[in-house]
Amino acid sequence: SKISEHLQENIVIDAPLLFEAGLEKYCDITIGIVADDDIRAYRVSQRDNLDIEEARIRIMSQKDKQFYIDKCNYIIENNSSLGVLEANFKELSKIIGE
């Protein structure tokens, strides 16, 4: 994917529980990818074949968006398409690389 092309010289850890496990101390930079709850619920319902209310209940048991905004060095909003996400990540990788 285009995202992996921008990470050739770095190690990336995809760890939803990074902060809870205390592993952020091993990271130079943390990037949170967040989305609005309605979008998250829809995506979870589609991915896991759940009805929307089941997906909302699952999301309510997770950390909210603000938790990641407060903890991460950078945040990427993922409320649109994969193409937009890739473009936002590419822009962030330029900023980080400077």
N, C-alpha and C. Protein backbone atom coordinates (compact mmCIF):
# COMPACT_ATOMS: atom_id res chain seq x y z
N SER A 1 0.83 -1.19 0.00
CA SER A 1 0.00 0.00 0.00
C SER A 1 0.87 1.24 0.00
N LYS A 2 0.26 2.36 -0.29
CA LYS A 2 1.01 3.61 -0.32
C LYS A 2 1.52 3.98 1.06
N ILE A 3 0.79 3.62 2.09
CA ILE A 3 1.25 3.94 3.44
C ILE A 3 2.56 3.23 3.74
N SER A 4 2.66 1.95 3.39
CA SER A 4 3.88 1.21 3.68
C SER A 4 5.08 1.75 2.91
N GLU A 5 4.86 2.36 1.74
CA GLU A 5 5.96 2.94 0.98
C GLU A 5 6.64 4.05 1.76
N HIS A 6 5.90 4.75 2.58
CA HIS A 6 6.44 5.88 3.34
C HIS A 6 7.07 5.44 4.66
N LEU A 7 7.06 4.16 4.95
CA LEU A 7 7.57 3.66 6.22
C LEU A 7 8.76 2.74 6.05
N GLN A 8 9.41 2.80 4.92
CA GLN A 8 10.47 1.85 4.61
C GLN A 8 11.63 1.91 5.60
N GLU A 9 11.90 3.04 6.21
CA GLU A 9 13.04 3.17 7.11
C GLU A 9 12.62 3.15 8.56
N ASN A 10 11.39 2.83 8.84
CA ASN A 10 10.88 2.88 10.20
C ASN A 10 10.21 1.58 10.59
N ILE A 11 10.10 1.38 11.87
CA ILE A 11 9.35 0.25 12.39
C ILE A 11 8.02 0.79 12.87
N VAL A 12 6.96 0.16 12.46
CA VAL A 12 5.62 0.60 12.84
C VAL A 12 4.99 -0.49 13.69
N ILE A 13 4.42 -0.06 14.81
CA ILE A 13 3.70 -0.97 15.70
C ILE A 13 2.23 -0.59 15.65
N ASP A 14 1.40 -1.48 15.19
CA ASP A 14 -0.04 -1.27 15.20
C ASP A 14 -0.56 -1.90 16.48
N ALA A 15 -0.75 -1.07 17.49
CA ALA A 15 -1.08 -1.58 18.82
C ALA A 15 -2.21 -0.77 19.44
N PRO A 16 -3.44 -1.25 19.30
CA PRO A 16 -4.57 -0.52 19.89
C PRO A 16 -4.43 -0.32 21.40
N LEU A 17 -3.70 -1.19 22.07
CA LEU A 17 -3.53 -1.09 23.52
C LEU A 17 -2.12 -0.62 23.90
N LEU A 18 -1.49 0.12 23.02
CA LEU A 18 -0.12 0.59 23.23
C LEU A 18 0.02 1.31 24.57
N PHE A 19 -0.85 2.26 24.85
CA PHE A 19 -0.74 3.06 26.08
C PHE A 19 -1.11 2.26 27.32
N GLU A 20 -2.13 1.43 27.20
CA GLU A 20 -2.54 0.61 28.33
C GLU A 20 -1.43 -0.37 28.74
N ALA A 21 -0.65 -0.83 27.75
CA ALA A 21 0.44 -1.76 28.01
C ALA A 21 1.74 -1.05 28.40
N GLY A 22 1.75 0.29 28.33
CA GLY A 22 2.95 1.05 28.67
C GLY A 22 4.05 0.98 27.62
N LEU A 23 3.70 0.58 26.41
CA LEU A 23 4.71 0.40 25.36
C LEU A 23 5.08 1.69 24.64
N GLU A 24 4.35 2.77 24.89
CA GLU A 24 4.66 4.03 24.22
C GLU A 24 6.06 4.52 24.57
N LYS A 25 6.61 4.07 25.70
CA LYS A 25 7.96 4.48 26.10
C LYS A 25 9.02 3.98 25.12
N TYR A 26 8.68 3.00 24.30
CA TYR A 26 9.60 2.48 23.30
C TYR A 26 9.43 3.14 21.94
N CYS A 27 8.54 4.12 21.86
CA CYS A 27 8.22 4.76 20.59
C CYS A 27 8.76 6.18 20.56
N ASP A 28 9.35 6.55 19.45
CA ASP A 28 9.79 7.94 19.26
C ASP A 28 8.61 8.84 18.95
N ILE A 29 7.66 8.32 18.20
CA ILE A 29 6.48 9.08 17.78
C ILE A 29 5.26 8.16 17.87
N THR A 30 4.16 8.71 18.34
CA THR A 30 2.90 7.96 18.31
C THR A 30 1.92 8.70 17.43
N ILE A 31 1.24 7.94 16.59
CA ILE A 31 0.25 8.49 15.67
C ILE A 31 -1.07 7.78 15.95
N GLY A 32 -2.08 8.55 16.26
CA GLY A 32 -3.41 8.00 16.46
C GLY A 32 -4.25 8.20 15.22
N ILE A 33 -4.91 7.17 14.78
CA ILE A 33 -5.84 7.28 13.66
C ILE A 33 -7.23 7.11 14.26
N VAL A 34 -8.01 8.18 14.20
CA VAL A 34 -9.30 8.22 14.87
C VAL A 34 -10.41 8.53 13.87
N ALA A 35 -11.63 8.16 14.25
CA ALA A 35 -12.80 8.45 13.44
C ALA A 35 -13.96 8.76 14.37
N ASP A 36 -14.95 9.43 13.84
CA ASP A 36 -16.16 9.71 14.61
C ASP A 36 -16.85 8.41 14.97
N ASP A 37 -17.54 8.41 16.11
CA ASP A 37 -18.18 7.18 16.61
C ASP A 37 -19.17 6.58 15.63
N ASP A 38 -19.96 7.40 14.94
CA ASP A 38 -20.92 6.85 13.98
C ASP A 38 -20.23 6.11 12.85
N ILE A 39 -19.14 6.67 12.38
CA ILE A 39 -18.38 6.02 11.30
C ILE A 39 -17.73 4.74 11.82
N ARG A 40 -17.18 4.81 13.02
CA ARG A 40 -16.59 3.60 13.61
C ARG A 40 -17.63 2.50 13.75
N ALA A 41 -18.81 2.86 14.24
CA ALA A 41 -19.87 1.86 14.43
C ALA A 41 -20.25 1.23 13.10
N TYR A 42 -20.40 2.05 12.07
CA TYR A 42 -20.74 1.51 10.75
C TYR A 42 -19.65 0.55 10.27
N ARG A 43 -18.40 0.95 10.38
CA ARG A 43 -17.30 0.11 9.91
C ARG A 43 -17.22 -1.20 10.68
N VAL A 44 -17.39 -1.14 12.00
CA VAL A 44 -17.37 -2.36 12.81
C VAL A 44 -18.53 -3.26 12.43
N SER A 45 -19.71 -2.68 12.23
CA SER A 45 -20.88 -3.50 11.86
C SER A 45 -20.65 -4.21 10.53
N GLN A 46 -20.03 -3.51 9.59
CA GLN A 46 -19.75 -4.12 8.29
C GLN A 46 -18.66 -5.19 8.39
N ARG A 47 -17.61 -4.88 9.11
CA ARG A 47 -16.48 -5.81 9.23
C ARG A 47 -16.85 -7.08 9.98
N ASP A 48 -17.62 -6.94 11.07
CA ASP A 48 -17.89 -8.07 11.95
C ASP A 48 -19.31 -8.62 11.81
N ASN A 49 -20.02 -8.13 10.81
CA ASN A 49 -21.38 -8.59 10.54
C ASN A 49 -22.28 -8.46 11.78
N LEU A 50 -22.27 -7.26 12.37
CA LEU A 50 -23.09 -6.95 13.54
C LEU A 50 -24.15 -5.94 13.15
N ASP A 51 -25.23 -5.90 13.92
CA ASP A 51 -26.14 -4.78 13.68
C ASP A 51 -25.52 -3.54 14.31
N ILE A 52 -26.01 -2.38 13.91
CA ILE A 52 -25.38 -1.13 14.30
C ILE A 52 -25.37 -0.92 15.81
N GLU A 53 -26.42 -1.37 16.51
CA GLU A 53 -26.46 -1.21 17.97
C GLU A 53 -25.41 -2.08 18.66
N GLU A 54 -25.20 -3.29 18.16
CA GLU A 54 -24.15 -4.14 18.70
C GLU A 54 -22.78 -3.48 18.50
N ALA A 55 -22.59 -2.89 17.34
CA ALA A 55 -21.33 -2.20 17.05
C ALA A 55 -21.15 -1.00 17.97
N ARG A 56 -22.21 -0.25 18.22
CA ARG A 56 -22.12 0.91 19.13
C ARG A 56 -21.76 0.46 20.55
N ILE A 57 -22.34 -0.63 21.01
CA ILE A 57 -22.03 -1.15 22.34
C ILE A 57 -20.55 -1.52 22.42
N ARG A 58 -20.04 -2.16 21.39
CA ARG A 58 -18.63 -2.53 21.36
C ARG A 58 -17.74 -1.29 21.43
N ILE A 59 -18.10 -0.28 20.68
CA ILE A 59 -17.30 0.96 20.65
C ILE A 59 -17.34 1.67 21.99
N MET A 60 -18.47 1.63 22.66
CA MET A 60 -18.58 2.30 23.96
C MET A 60 -17.68 1.65 25.01
N SER A 61 -17.26 0.41 24.79
CA SER A 61 -16.37 -0.27 25.73
C SER A 61 -14.90 0.07 25.46
N GLN A 62 -14.64 0.82 24.40
CA GLN A 62 -13.28 1.17 24.02
C GLN A 62 -12.96 2.60 24.43
N LYS A 63 -11.69 2.95 24.40
CA LYS A 63 -11.28 4.33 24.67
C LYS A 63 -11.88 5.24 23.61
N ASP A 64 -12.25 6.43 24.02
CA ASP A 64 -12.82 7.37 23.05
C ASP A 64 -11.73 8.11 22.30
N LYS A 65 -12.15 8.83 21.30
CA LYS A 65 -11.23 9.55 20.42
C LYS A 65 -10.34 10.51 21.21
N GLN A 66 -10.90 11.17 22.20
CA GLN A 66 -10.14 12.16 22.97
C GLN A 66 -8.95 11.53 23.70
N PHE A 67 -9.08 10.30 24.13
CA PHE A 67 -7.97 9.60 24.78
C PHE A 67 -6.75 9.60 23.87
N TYR A 68 -6.95 9.26 22.60
CA TYR A 68 -5.84 9.20 21.65
C TYR A 68 -5.34 10.58 21.27
N ILE A 69 -6.26 11.54 21.17
CA ILE A 69 -5.86 12.91 20.88
C ILE A 69 -4.94 13.43 21.99
N ASP A 70 -5.28 13.12 23.23
CA ASP A 70 -4.48 13.56 24.37
C ASP A 70 -3.14 12.84 24.47
N LYS A 71 -3.06 11.59 24.06
CA LYS A 71 -1.86 10.78 24.27
C LYS A 71 -0.87 10.78 23.09
N CYS A 72 -1.37 10.90 21.88
CA CYS A 72 -0.51 10.74 20.69
C CYS A 72 0.18 12.04 20.29
N ASN A 73 1.33 11.88 19.65
CA ASN A 73 2.04 13.04 19.12
C ASN A 73 1.32 13.64 17.92
N TYR A 74 0.73 12.79 17.12
CA TYR A 74 0.02 13.21 15.91
C TYR A 74 -1.29 12.45 15.81
N ILE A 75 -2.27 13.09 15.19
CA ILE A 75 -3.58 12.48 14.97
C ILE A 75 -3.94 12.60 13.50
N ILE A 76 -4.46 11.51 12.95
CA ILE A 76 -5.02 11.53 11.60
C ILE A 76 -6.50 11.19 11.74
N GLU A 77 -7.35 12.06 11.22
CA GLU A 77 -8.79 11.79 11.20
C GLU A 77 -9.07 10.85 10.04
N ASN A 78 -9.82 9.79 10.31
CA ASN A 78 -10.14 8.78 9.29
C ASN A 78 -11.66 8.69 9.12
N ASN A 79 -12.25 9.80 8.68
CA ASN A 79 -13.70 9.87 8.50
C ASN A 79 -14.11 9.78 7.03
N SER A 80 -13.17 9.44 6.17
CA SER A 80 -13.47 9.42 4.74
C SER A 80 -12.99 8.11 4.13
N SER A 81 -12.47 8.19 2.93
CA SER A 81 -12.07 6.99 2.19
C SER A 81 -10.64 6.59 2.49
N LEU A 82 -10.27 5.40 2.04
CA LEU A 82 -8.90 4.92 2.18
C LEU A 82 -7.93 5.85 1.44
N GLY A 83 -8.34 6.36 0.29
CA GLY A 83 -7.50 7.29 -0.47
C GLY A 83 -7.19 8.56 0.31
N VAL A 84 -8.19 9.08 1.01
CA VAL A 84 -7.98 10.27 1.83
C VAL A 84 -7.06 9.94 3.01
N LEU A 85 -7.26 8.78 3.62
CA LEU A 85 -6.39 8.35 4.71
C LEU A 85 -4.94 8.26 4.24
N GLU A 86 -4.72 7.66 3.09
CA GLU A 86 -3.36 7.53 2.55
C GLU A 86 -2.75 8.90 2.26
N ALA A 87 -3.55 9.82 1.72
CA ALA A 87 -3.05 11.17 1.44
C ALA A 87 -2.70 11.90 2.73
N ASN A 88 -3.53 11.76 3.75
CA ASN A 88 -3.24 12.38 5.05
C ASN A 88 -1.99 11.80 5.68
N PHE A 89 -1.82 10.49 5.55
CA PHE A 89 -0.62 9.85 6.10
C PHE A 89 0.63 10.31 5.34
N LYS A 90 0.51 10.43 4.04
CA LYS A 90 1.65 10.89 3.24
C LYS A 90 2.05 12.31 3.66
N GLU A 91 1.06 13.16 3.87
CA GLU A 91 1.34 14.53 4.31
C GLU A 91 2.01 14.53 5.69
N LEU A 92 1.50 13.71 6.60
CA LEU A 92 2.10 13.63 7.93
C LEU A 92 3.52 13.09 7.86
N SER A 93 3.76 12.12 6.99
CA SER A 93 5.11 11.56 6.90
C SER A 93 6.11 12.60 6.39
N LYS A 94 5.65 13.53 5.57
CA LYS A 94 6.51 14.64 5.14
C LYS A 94 6.85 15.54 6.32
N ILE A 95 5.84 15.84 7.13
CA ILE A 95 6.03 16.70 8.31
C ILE A 95 7.00 16.06 9.29
N ILE A 96 6.81 14.79 9.55
CA ILE A 96 7.64 14.06 10.50
C ILE A 96 9.08 13.96 9.98
N GLY A 97 9.22 13.78 8.67
CA GLY A 97 10.52 13.61 8.08
C GLY A 97 11.34 14.89 8.00
N GLU A 98 10.71 16.04 8.20
CA GLU A 98 11.43 17.32 8.11
C GLU A 98 12.26 17.59 9.32
